[in-house]
Amino acid sequence: MIEKPARTHRFFDPAHTASEMGEAGLIQFIEKRHNQRVKEEGRDRPAEEAWEESCRLYAAQKEAELREEWRTFHEAQIERHKANHAALVAYHKRELEKCLQENPKGAA
C-alpha cells in the first residue's frame, strides 16, 4: 500500500481565485488609465468643471424655487389666519352680545 502525503494546504477554489485576479487586474487597469489621463490632461478636466458648475447652478435654481414656494405658502397662510381670526372675533362678539342681552348689567 502506498501512503499519500498529508495535505498541508487549504482547498483551492479556482473560480474564487480567478475572480480575485480579474478584480485586481481591473483595478490595476483603472489606476493606469487614471494616471495616464492625469499626465496628459492635468488633475482637473474642463468637462468635470463644467458638470460641477451645472450642478451648482441647478441646486441654486432649485433652492430659489423652494424659497418661492415657501414664500407663497406663508403669504397664503397669513391670509387664512387673518380670515380665521376675524371669524373667531366675530363669533365671540356675537356670543358676548347674547350674554349681555340675557343678563343685562346690573340685573340680578
Protein backbone atom coordinates (compact mmCIF):
# COMPACT_ATOMS: atom_id res chain seq x y z
CA MET A 1 0.00 0.00 0.00
CA ILE A 2 1.30 3.42 -1.00
CA GLU A 3 0.89 6.15 1.55
CA LYS A 4 -0.31 9.53 0.35
CA PRO A 5 1.35 12.57 1.84
CA ALA A 6 -0.78 14.55 4.31
CA ARG A 7 -2.42 17.64 2.88
CA THR A 8 -0.86 20.76 4.26
CA HIS A 9 -2.59 23.31 2.05
CA ARG A 10 -6.13 24.63 2.02
CA PHE A 11 -8.78 23.76 -0.50
CA PHE A 12 -8.05 25.57 -3.77
CA ASP A 13 -11.05 27.29 -5.35
CA PRO A 14 -10.10 28.23 -8.92
CA ALA A 15 -13.28 30.27 -9.52
CA HIS A 16 -12.72 32.42 -6.45
CA THR A 17 -9.08 32.96 -7.26
CA ALA A 18 -9.88 33.80 -10.87
CA SER A 19 -12.44 36.40 -9.81
CA GLU A 20 -9.96 37.95 -7.40
CA MET A 21 -7.34 38.02 -10.12
CA GLY A 22 -9.83 39.58 -12.53
CA GLU A 23 -10.76 42.25 -9.98
CA ALA A 24 -7.10 43.01 -9.25
CA GLY A 25 -6.43 43.31 -12.98
CA LEU A 26 -9.38 45.65 -13.39
CA ILE A 27 -8.21 47.86 -10.52
CA GLN A 28 -4.71 47.96 -11.99
CA PHE A 29 -6.14 48.91 -15.42
CA ILE A 30 -8.28 51.72 -13.93
CA GLU A 31 -5.33 53.13 -11.96
CA LYS A 32 -3.08 53.00 -15.04
CA ARG A 33 -5.65 54.86 -17.17
CA HIS A 34 -6.22 57.42 -14.43
CA ASN A 35 -2.50 58.12 -14.07
CA GLN A 36 -2.17 58.39 -17.86
CA ARG A 37 -5.08 60.85 -18.01
CA VAL A 38 -3.62 62.98 -15.21
CA LYS A 39 -0.29 63.16 -17.08
CA GLU A 40 -1.99 64.18 -20.34
CA GLU A 41 -4.81 66.44 -19.12
CA GLY A 42 -3.74 67.52 -15.68
CA ARG A 43 -5.57 66.95 -12.44
CA ASP A 44 -8.73 68.93 -13.36
CA ARG A 45 -10.72 68.31 -16.51
CA PRO A 46 -12.82 71.01 -18.19
CA ALA A 47 -15.75 68.62 -18.65
CA GLU A 48 -15.80 67.82 -14.94
CA GLU A 49 -15.60 71.50 -14.04
CA ALA A 50 -18.49 72.29 -16.40
CA TRP A 51 -20.54 69.45 -14.91
CA GLU A 52 -19.85 70.64 -11.36
CA GLU A 53 -20.82 74.20 -12.32
CA SER A 54 -24.00 72.84 -13.91
CA CYS A 55 -24.79 71.01 -10.66
CA ARG A 56 -24.20 74.16 -8.62
CA LEU A 57 -26.48 76.20 -10.90
CA TYR A 58 -29.19 73.54 -10.77
CA ALA A 59 -29.00 73.37 -6.97
CA ALA A 60 -29.19 77.17 -6.71
CA GLN A 61 -32.20 77.23 -9.04
CA LYS A 62 -33.97 74.51 -7.05
CA GLU A 63 -33.24 76.37 -3.82
CA ALA A 64 -34.72 79.57 -5.28
CA GLU A 65 -37.82 77.68 -6.43
CA LEU A 66 -38.30 76.15 -3.00
CA ARG A 67 -37.82 79.53 -1.33
CA GLU A 68 -40.51 80.98 -3.64
CA GLU A 69 -42.89 78.11 -2.83
CA TRP A 70 -42.38 78.64 0.91
CA ARG A 71 -42.94 82.40 0.49
CA THR A 72 -46.20 81.75 -1.35
CA PHE A 73 -47.28 79.25 1.30
CA HIS A 74 -46.60 81.66 4.17
CA GLU A 75 -48.40 84.53 2.45
CA ALA A 76 -51.44 82.31 1.90
CA GLN A 77 -51.22 81.05 5.48
CA ILE A 78 -51.24 84.65 6.75
CA GLU A 79 -54.44 85.33 4.79
CA ARG A 80 -56.05 82.13 6.10
CA HIS A 81 -55.15 83.05 9.67
CA LYS A 82 -56.48 86.59 9.22
CA ALA A 83 -59.78 85.22 7.93
CA ASN A 84 -59.95 82.65 10.71
CA HIS A 85 -59.06 85.26 13.32
CA ALA A 86 -61.71 87.64 12.01
CA ALA A 87 -64.28 84.83 12.10
CA LEU A 88 -63.34 83.95 15.68
CA VAL A 89 -63.53 87.58 16.77
CA ALA A 90 -66.96 87.95 15.14
CA TYR A 91 -68.18 84.72 16.77
CA HIS A 92 -67.10 85.82 20.22
CA LYS A 93 -68.64 89.28 19.75
CA ARG A 94 -71.96 87.61 18.89
CA GLU A 95 -71.70 85.35 21.93
CA LEU A 96 -70.91 88.36 24.10
CA GLU A 97 -73.98 90.18 22.75
CA LYS A 98 -76.14 87.15 23.59
CA CYS A 99 -74.79 87.11 27.12
CA LEU A 100 -75.42 90.81 27.54
CA GLN A 101 -78.98 90.50 26.23
CA GLU A 102 -79.79 87.61 28.54
CA ASN A 103 -78.16 89.19 31.61
CA PRO A 104 -78.06 92.94 31.31
CA LYS A 105 -75.51 94.63 33.55
CA GLY A 106 -76.84 95.40 37.00
CA ALA A 107 -79.73 92.96 36.76
CA ALA A 108 -79.76 90.29 39.39
